[in-house]
Amino acid sequence: MNKMTNKIRFPDGREVDIQDVIGFLYGLSRSDVEVLHVLTCKGEKMSTEDLAEALKVTKASISKSINNLLYKGLINREKVTEDEKRKGRPAYVYWVNKEELYERVIADMISLANTMKNDFKAHVQLAVVPA
């Protein structure tokens, strides 16, 4: 899969890939970020097999990322019901609701910026030493 890079430029000129920022914001591993990226870009429901094939990795590594992304509420899961008579573990498909993800990331970034602003203000006020 071609990865379109979107960069965020910091005031000092450094550029960071937006996927890395999202990974940092939610404490995601590189694998987690890649799974989230594929699900977001594909825009369709995918199985662990589909994801493993798209990323050229094992299903086990996909499962670990899927569990982390589900736990953090960044992706959705749906049980596959077509195969009701199938034996063994139930099958699931995963997807990203792009609108929900966008709203979540924006709200979390605003919250982080406000926390940073307030904490930094308190830090600077504490650091001021009267003459």
Protein backbone atom coordinates (compact mmCIF):
# COMPACT_ATOMS: atom_id res chain seq x y z
CA MET A 1 0.00 0.00 0.00
CA ASN A 2 1.34 3.40 -0.92
CA LYS A 3 1.69 5.53 2.15
CA MET A 4 0.84 9.14 1.54
CA THR A 5 2.88 11.22 3.94
CA ASN A 6 1.30 14.22 5.58
CA LYS A 7 3.73 16.29 7.57
CA ILE A 8 3.18 18.70 10.43
CA ARG A 9 5.69 21.54 10.56
CA PHE A 10 6.86 22.78 13.95
CA PRO A 11 7.79 26.44 14.54
CA ASP A 12 11.52 25.57 14.34
CA GLY A 13 11.05 24.01 10.88
CA ARG A 14 11.12 20.34 11.88
CA GLU A 15 8.54 18.18 10.12
CA VAL A 16 6.86 15.15 11.65
CA ASP A 17 4.58 12.65 9.91
CA ILE A 18 1.00 13.01 11.13
CA GLN A 19 0.86 9.25 11.75
CA ASP A 20 3.74 9.62 14.23
CA VAL A 21 1.87 12.40 16.04
CA ILE A 22 -1.24 10.20 16.33
CA GLY A 23 0.94 7.33 17.54
CA PHE A 24 2.48 9.56 20.22
CA LEU A 25 -0.90 11.00 21.24
CA TYR A 26 -2.36 7.54 21.93
CA GLY A 27 0.77 5.60 22.87
CA LEU A 28 0.65 3.41 19.76
CA SER A 29 3.42 1.18 18.48
CA ARG A 30 4.63 1.48 14.88
CA SER A 31 2.57 -1.64 14.04
CA ASP A 32 -0.54 -0.14 15.65
CA VAL A 33 -0.12 3.03 13.59
CA GLU A 34 0.29 1.02 10.38
CA VAL A 35 -2.88 -1.00 11.06
CA LEU A 36 -4.82 2.17 11.86
CA HIS A 37 -3.47 3.79 8.69
CA VAL A 38 -4.52 0.86 6.47
CA LEU A 39 -8.00 0.72 7.99
CA THR A 40 -8.40 4.48 7.60
CA CYS A 41 -7.14 4.59 4.01
CA LYS A 42 -9.03 1.51 2.81
CA GLY A 43 -12.26 2.82 4.26
CA GLU A 44 -13.78 -0.65 4.38
CA LYS A 45 -14.21 -3.53 6.80
CA MET A 46 -11.20 -5.80 6.90
CA SER A 47 -10.38 -9.10 8.57
CA THR A 48 -7.09 -9.86 10.30
CA GLU A 49 -6.19 -11.90 7.22
CA ASP A 50 -6.83 -8.89 4.95
CA LEU A 51 -4.74 -6.64 7.19
CA ALA A 52 -1.89 -9.17 7.43
CA GLU A 53 -1.83 -9.46 3.65
CA ALA A 54 -1.93 -5.68 3.13
CA LEU A 55 0.94 -5.11 5.57
CA LYS A 56 2.91 -8.27 4.71
CA VAL A 57 3.06 -9.40 8.35
CA THR A 58 1.70 -12.27 10.40
CA LYS A 59 -1.86 -12.44 11.74
CA ALA A 60 -0.39 -12.62 15.26
CA SER A 61 1.22 -9.18 14.95
CA ILE A 62 -2.04 -7.82 13.50
CA SER A 63 -4.03 -9.28 16.41
CA LYS A 64 -1.87 -7.51 18.98
CA SER A 65 -2.34 -4.16 17.22
CA ILE A 66 -6.07 -4.76 16.73
CA ASN A 67 -6.51 -5.43 20.45
CA ASN A 68 -4.64 -2.25 21.38
CA LEU A 69 -6.60 -0.12 18.89
CA LEU A 70 -9.90 -1.59 20.11
CA TYR A 71 -8.94 -0.99 23.75
CA LYS A 72 -8.16 2.65 22.95
CA GLY A 73 -11.43 3.06 21.05
CA LEU A 74 -9.80 4.01 17.75
CA ILE A 75 -11.34 1.27 15.60
CA ASN A 76 -14.60 -0.68 15.44
CA ARG A 77 -15.24 -4.43 15.36
CA GLU A 78 -18.10 -6.49 14.03
CA LYS A 79 -18.68 -10.22 14.33
CA VAL A 80 -19.01 -11.96 10.97
CA THR A 81 -22.34 -13.80 10.95
CA GLU A 82 -22.23 -15.33 7.45
CA ASP A 83 -20.35 -18.34 8.76
CA GLU A 84 -22.66 -19.30 11.69
CA LYS A 85 -21.90 -23.03 11.34
CA ARG A 86 -18.17 -22.45 11.38
CA LYS A 87 -16.28 -24.16 14.23
CA GLY A 88 -13.71 -22.49 16.47
CA ARG A 89 -13.22 -18.83 17.24
CA PRO A 90 -15.71 -16.31 15.87
CA ALA A 91 -14.53 -14.23 12.93
CA TYR A 92 -14.47 -10.43 13.09
CA VAL A 93 -13.96 -7.54 10.72
CA TYR A 94 -12.52 -4.19 11.71
CA TRP A 95 -12.96 -0.67 10.39
CA VAL A 96 -12.52 3.00 11.15
CA ASN A 97 -15.34 5.49 11.20
CA LYS A 98 -13.36 8.35 9.68
CA GLU A 99 -15.65 11.09 10.99
CA GLU A 100 -15.53 9.71 14.55
CA LEU A 101 -11.75 9.27 14.39
CA TYR A 102 -11.29 12.82 13.09
CA GLU A 103 -13.53 14.30 15.82
CA ARG A 104 -11.76 12.23 18.49
CA VAL A 105 -8.26 13.23 17.41
CA ILE A 106 -9.19 16.91 17.12
CA ALA A 107 -10.89 16.93 20.55
CA ASP A 108 -7.93 15.14 22.15
CA MET A 109 -5.44 17.53 20.51
CA ILE A 110 -7.41 20.55 21.77
CA SER A 111 -7.56 19.04 25.25
CA LEU A 112 -3.82 18.36 25.16
CA ALA A 113 -3.09 21.93 23.99
CA ASN A 114 -5.24 23.36 26.80
CA THR A 115 -3.57 21.16 29.40
CA MET A 116 -0.15 22.13 28.07
CA LYS A 117 -1.10 25.84 28.12
CA ASN A 118 -2.33 25.69 31.73
CA ASP A 119 0.52 23.53 33.00
CA PHE A 120 3.13 25.66 31.25
CA LYS A 121 1.58 28.84 32.62
CA ALA A 122 1.74 27.41 36.16
CA HIS A 123 5.32 26.26 35.55
CA VAL A 124 6.43 29.69 34.32
CA GLN A 125 4.71 31.41 37.26
CA LEU A 126 6.44 29.09 39.72
CA ALA A 127 9.77 29.63 38.00
CA VAL A 128 9.63 33.41 38.42
CA VAL A 129 11.88 34.39 41.29
CA PRO A 130 11.09 37.79 42.88
CA ALA A 131 14.02 40.20 42.75
